[in-house]
Amino acid sequence: MPKQKTHRGLAKRVKVTGSGKIKRSKAFHSHLLSSKTPKMKRRLSRSDTVHPADAKRIKKLIPYL
């Protein structure tokens, strides 16, 4: 049985926490920031966890992280 390949595009975008959850950054924080409120920009800069419904599918793409 050959080794599984890690999906490199996803591996650069997520990290796995100590408890096994998948941590991701939020979207809409890279450009067009002048129209967004400071509160919204603060919230978008924080990291978030992947929803449990998507986590199983994502873990298959990053088997060794």
C-alpha atoms as a PDB file:
ATOM      1  CA  MET A   1       0.000   0.000   0.000  1.00  0.00           C
ATOM      2  CA  PRO A   2       1.566   3.337  -1.003  1.00  0.00           C
ATOM      3  CA  LYS A   3       1.772   6.294   1.334  1.00  0.00           C
ATOM      4  CA  GLN A   4      -0.999   8.880   1.262  1.00  0.00           C
ATOM      5  CA  LYS A   5      -0.103  12.300  -0.065  1.00  0.00           C
ATOM      6  CA  THR A   6      -0.800  15.409   1.994  1.00  0.00           C
ATOM      7  CA  HIS A   7      -2.854  18.058   0.216  1.00  0.00           C
ATOM      8  CA  ARG A   8      -0.187  20.787   0.263  1.00  0.00           C
ATOM      9  CA  GLY A   9      -2.604  23.646  -0.448  1.00  0.00           C
ATOM     10  CA  LEU A  10      -4.676  22.777   2.605  1.00  0.00           C
ATOM     11  CA  ALA A  11      -1.661  22.008   4.795  1.00  0.00           C
ATOM     12  CA  LYS A  12      -0.463  25.606   4.356  1.00  0.00           C
ATOM     13  CA  ARG A  13      -3.847  26.982   5.456  1.00  0.00           C
ATOM     14  CA  VAL A  14      -4.627  24.944   8.590  1.00  0.00           C
ATOM     15  CA  LYS A  15      -2.988  23.763  11.805  1.00  0.00           C
ATOM     16  CA  VAL A  16      -4.011  20.953  14.136  1.00  0.00           C
ATOM     17  CA  THR A  17      -4.461  21.871  17.809  1.00  0.00           C
ATOM     18  CA  GLY A  18      -3.338  19.733  20.725  1.00  0.00           C
ATOM     19  CA  SER A  19      -6.841  18.353  21.195  1.00  0.00           C
ATOM     20  CA  GLY A  20      -7.044  17.379  17.514  1.00  0.00           C
ATOM     21  CA  LYS A  21      -9.283  20.184  16.272  1.00  0.00           C
ATOM     22  CA  ILE A  22      -8.409  21.966  13.038  1.00  0.00           C
ATOM     23  CA  LYS A  23      -7.590  25.657  13.305  1.00  0.00           C
ATOM     24  CA  ARG A  24      -8.112  28.006  10.354  1.00  0.00           C
ATOM     25  CA  SER A  25      -7.994  31.728   9.650  1.00  0.00           C
ATOM     26  CA  LYS A  26     -11.077  33.692   8.651  1.00  0.00           C
ATOM     27  CA  ALA A  27     -11.745  35.007   5.164  1.00  0.00           C
ATOM     28  CA  PHE A  28     -12.301  38.635   4.033  1.00  0.00           C
ATOM     29  CA  HIS A  29      -9.269  40.079   5.862  1.00  0.00           C
ATOM     30  CA  SER A  30      -6.784  40.508   3.021  1.00  0.00           C
ATOM     31  CA  HIS A  31      -7.962  43.577   1.096  1.00  0.00           C
ATOM     32  CA  LEU A  32     -10.769  46.172   0.855  1.00  0.00           C
ATOM     33  CA  LEU A  33     -10.351  46.820   4.577  1.00  0.00           C
ATOM     34  CA  SER A  34     -11.156  50.546   4.502  1.00  0.00           C
ATOM     35  CA  SER A  35     -14.886  49.855   4.241  1.00  0.00           C
ATOM     36  CA  LYS A  36     -14.872  47.434   7.186  1.00  0.00           C
ATOM     37  CA  THR A  37     -15.326  48.588  10.762  1.00  0.00           C
ATOM     38  CA  PRO A  38     -12.487  48.170  13.289  1.00  0.00           C
ATOM     39  CA  LYS A  39     -14.647  45.697  15.209  1.00  0.00           C
ATOM     40  CA  MET A  40     -15.120  43.562  12.115  1.00  0.00           C
ATOM     41  CA  LYS A  41     -11.395  43.676  11.286  1.00  0.00           C
ATOM     42  CA  ARG A  42     -10.515  42.584  14.839  1.00  0.00           C
ATOM     43  CA  ARG A  43     -12.886  39.624  14.622  1.00  0.00           C
ATOM     44  CA  LEU A  44     -11.571  38.602  11.206  1.00  0.00           C
ATOM     45  CA  SER A  45      -7.959  38.634  12.405  1.00  0.00           C
ATOM     46  CA  ARG A  46      -8.658  35.983  15.065  1.00  0.00           C
ATOM     47  CA  SER A  47      -8.376  32.321  14.210  1.00  0.00           C
ATOM     48  CA  ASP A  48     -11.311  29.938  14.261  1.00  0.00           C
ATOM     49  CA  THR A  49     -11.847  26.170  14.293  1.00  0.00           C
ATOM     50  CA  VAL A  50     -13.226  24.188  11.409  1.00  0.00           C
ATOM     51  CA  HIS A  51     -16.842  23.084  11.837  1.00  0.00           C
ATOM     52  CA  PRO A  52     -17.077  19.438  12.977  1.00  0.00           C
ATOM     53  CA  ALA A  53     -19.134  18.565   9.891  1.00  0.00           C
ATOM     54  CA  ASP A  54     -16.174  19.531   7.666  1.00  0.00           C
ATOM     55  CA  ALA A  55     -13.390  18.298   9.953  1.00  0.00           C
ATOM     56  CA  LYS A  56     -13.652  14.628   8.957  1.00  0.00           C
ATOM     57  CA  ARG A  57     -13.296  15.444   5.262  1.00  0.00           C
ATOM     58  CA  ILE A  58     -10.372  17.794   5.906  1.00  0.00           C
ATOM     59  CA  LYS A  59      -8.496  15.291   8.108  1.00  0.00           C
ATOM     60  CA  LYS A  60      -8.394  12.871   5.157  1.00  0.00           C
ATOM     61  CA  LEU A  61      -6.505  15.485   3.131  1.00  0.00           C
ATOM     62  CA  ILE A  62      -3.877  16.057   5.831  1.00  0.00           C
ATOM     63  CA  PRO A  63      -3.189  12.554   7.202  1.00  0.00           C
ATOM     64  CA  TYR A  64       0.234  13.308   8.761  1.00  0.00           C
ATOM     65  CA  LEU A  65      -0.381  16.682  10.442  1.00  0.00           C
END
